[in-house]
Protein backbone atom coordinates (compact mmCIF):
# COMPACT_ATOMS: atom_id res chain seq x y z
CA MET A 1 -106.61 -0.95 34.35
CA ILE A 2 -105.87 -4.21 32.54
CA ILE A 3 -103.28 -6.32 34.34
CA GLY A 4 -101.53 -9.06 32.40
CA TYR A 5 -99.35 -11.95 33.49
CA THR A 6 -96.90 -14.22 31.76
CA THR A 7 -94.24 -16.55 32.98
CA GLY A 8 -91.11 -18.29 31.80
CA VAL A 9 -87.60 -19.36 32.57
CA TYR A 10 -86.02 -16.64 30.39
CA ASP A 11 -82.69 -18.44 30.32
CA MET A 12 -80.32 -17.06 27.69
CA PHE A 13 -82.72 -14.20 26.94
CA HIS A 14 -83.36 -13.94 23.21
CA ILE A 15 -85.51 -12.16 20.62
CA GLY A 16 -88.38 -14.62 21.07
CA HIS A 17 -88.61 -13.66 24.74
CA LEU A 18 -88.54 -9.96 23.87
CA LYS A 19 -91.25 -10.30 21.21
CA LEU A 20 -93.52 -12.22 23.60
CA LEU A 21 -93.15 -9.57 26.31
CA LYS A 22 -93.75 -6.77 23.79
CA ARG A 23 -96.91 -8.39 22.42
CA ALA A 24 -98.19 -9.07 25.93
CA LYS A 25 -97.62 -5.46 27.00
CA GLU A 26 -99.51 -4.23 23.93
CA MET A 27 -102.61 -5.96 25.34
CA CYS A 28 -102.46 -4.71 28.91
CA ASP A 29 -101.65 -1.64 30.97
CA TYR A 30 -99.53 -3.39 33.58
CA LEU A 31 -97.50 -6.54 32.90
CA ILE A 32 -96.39 -8.90 35.66
CA VAL A 33 -93.78 -11.49 34.66
CA GLY A 34 -93.10 -14.63 36.68
CA VAL A 35 -89.53 -15.85 36.33
CA SER A 36 -88.98 -19.50 37.23
CA THR A 37 -86.58 -20.07 40.10
CA ASP A 38 -83.53 -22.27 39.61
CA GLU A 39 -85.13 -24.86 41.91
CA LEU A 40 -88.31 -24.99 39.82
CA VAL A 41 -86.36 -25.38 36.58
CA LEU A 42 -84.36 -28.23 38.11
CA LYS A 43 -87.55 -29.90 39.37
CA GLU A 44 -89.59 -29.45 36.16
CA LYS A 45 -86.94 -29.72 33.44
CA ASN A 46 -84.21 -31.63 35.26
CA LYS A 47 -81.60 -29.02 34.37
CA ILE A 48 -79.92 -26.02 35.93
CA PRO A 49 -80.37 -22.75 34.03
CA ILE A 50 -77.27 -21.27 32.38
CA ILE A 51 -78.14 -17.86 33.87
CA PRO A 52 -78.90 -17.87 37.63
CA TYR A 53 -82.37 -16.78 38.79
CA GLU A 54 -81.30 -13.42 40.27
CA ASP A 55 -79.62 -12.45 36.98
CA ARG A 56 -82.60 -13.60 34.89
CA LYS A 57 -84.91 -11.64 37.19
CA GLU A 58 -82.79 -8.51 36.73
CA ILE A 59 -82.62 -8.92 32.95
CA VAL A 60 -86.40 -9.36 32.62
CA GLY A 61 -87.02 -6.47 35.03
CA ALA A 62 -84.92 -4.15 32.88
CA ILE A 63 -87.14 -4.69 29.84
CA LYS A 64 -89.33 -1.62 29.23
CA TYR A 65 -92.44 -3.74 28.63
CA VAL A 66 -92.25 -5.31 32.10
CA ASP A 67 -93.81 -3.53 35.07
CA GLU A 68 -93.19 -6.12 37.77
CA VAL A 69 -91.17 -9.32 38.14
CA ILE A 70 -92.12 -12.02 40.62
CA PRO A 71 -90.55 -15.42 41.32
CA GLN A 72 -92.31 -18.51 40.04
CA TYR A 73 -91.74 -21.13 42.74
CA ASP A 74 -94.10 -23.74 41.31
CA LYS A 75 -96.34 -24.25 38.30
CA ASP A 76 -99.65 -23.91 40.17
CA LYS A 77 -100.90 -20.79 38.43
CA ILE A 78 -104.24 -20.73 40.28
CA LYS A 79 -102.45 -20.69 43.65
CA LEU A 80 -100.26 -17.86 42.37
CA TYR A 81 -103.27 -15.91 41.10
CA LEU A 82 -105.05 -16.20 44.43
CA SER A 83 -101.93 -15.01 46.28
CA LEU A 84 -101.43 -11.84 44.22
CA LYS A 85 -102.54 -8.44 45.44
CA ASN A 86 -102.79 -7.17 41.86
CA LYS A 87 -105.01 -9.77 40.17
CA PHE A 88 -104.48 -10.17 36.44
CA SER A 89 -107.32 -10.43 33.95
CA LYS A 90 -105.19 -11.69 31.05
CA MET A 91 -102.62 -14.47 31.06
CA PHE A 92 -100.25 -14.68 28.12
CA VAL A 93 -98.68 -17.95 27.02
CA GLY A 94 -96.88 -19.19 23.92
CA SER A 95 -99.02 -20.64 21.15
CA ASP A 96 -97.09 -23.91 21.42
CA TRP A 97 -99.28 -24.64 24.51
CA LEU A 98 -102.59 -24.12 22.68
CA GLY A 99 -104.78 -27.22 22.82
CA THR A 100 -102.69 -29.05 25.40
CA PRO A 101 -104.59 -30.74 28.24
CA GLN A 102 -102.72 -28.65 30.82
CA TRP A 103 -103.76 -25.34 29.27
CA GLU A 104 -107.30 -26.44 28.44
CA LYS A 105 -107.61 -27.13 32.17
CA TYR A 106 -106.21 -23.68 32.99
CA GLU A 107 -108.68 -22.08 30.57
CA LYS A 108 -111.60 -23.68 32.46
CA GLU A 109 -110.19 -22.88 35.91
CA PHE A 110 -109.33 -19.27 35.11
CA SER A 111 -112.67 -18.60 33.43
CA LYS A 112 -114.21 -18.80 36.93
CA TYR A 113 -112.15 -15.73 37.85
CA GLY A 114 -112.74 -13.86 34.59
CA VAL A 115 -109.16 -14.39 33.43
CA GLU A 116 -108.64 -14.70 29.68
CA ILE A 117 -105.84 -16.95 28.42
CA ILE A 118 -104.21 -15.41 25.35
CA TYR A 119 -101.91 -17.51 23.20
CA LEU A 120 -99.14 -15.52 21.55
CA SER A 121 -97.39 -16.82 18.46
CA HIS A 122 -94.09 -18.53 19.06
CA THR A 123 -91.02 -17.05 17.35
CA ASP A 124 -89.90 -19.81 15.01
CA GLY A 125 -86.26 -20.83 14.88
CA ILE A 126 -85.26 -19.53 18.31
CA SER A 127 -85.37 -20.94 21.80
CA SER A 128 -82.98 -21.39 24.70
CA THR A 129 -82.77 -25.08 23.73
CA ILE A 130 -81.75 -24.16 20.17
CA LEU A 131 -79.15 -21.70 21.48
CA LEU A 132 -77.74 -24.34 23.82
CA GLU A 133 -77.42 -26.83 20.95
CA LYS A 134 -75.62 -24.21 18.86
CA LEU A 135 -73.20 -23.55 21.71
CA LYS A 136 -72.57 -27.29 22.13
CA ASN A 137 -71.81 -27.61 18.41
CA ILE A 138 -69.48 -24.61 18.43
CA TYR A 139 -67.64 -26.04 21.45
CA LYS A 140 -67.46 -29.52 19.93
CA ASN A 141 -66.15 -28.20 16.59
CA ALA A 142 -63.56 -26.02 18.32
CA HIS A 143 -62.23 -29.00 20.25
CA ASN A 144 -62.05 -31.55 17.42
């Protein structure tokens, strides 16, 4: 059985999130999804998610492509991998990370465990950041 893993914040769940999960599931039999905790998002991105962790976890868990949801407490993916009972052999990440020093390092580290890093194409024109900007503009225009 091929076990896959991907991770994200999944704040303001959108079509880009759904497409990434669908493509990941097409390449594995069992898909584990790490959802970043509110504390991790605050630490790493210096912001509080719009949707609280428990709600994001429930939303992601309801997606038919997702077999298991786990919390992502920190960004140390090797530590996470070593802690899992069900070890994954494929890790899926957005193509916007391809060639970055962080992910080149992960590629080398995970190769020791036989884990393949697969970069999935990013859905252009959509992100939680873009949605947030649209909401800000709508609010600003409604109050001018």
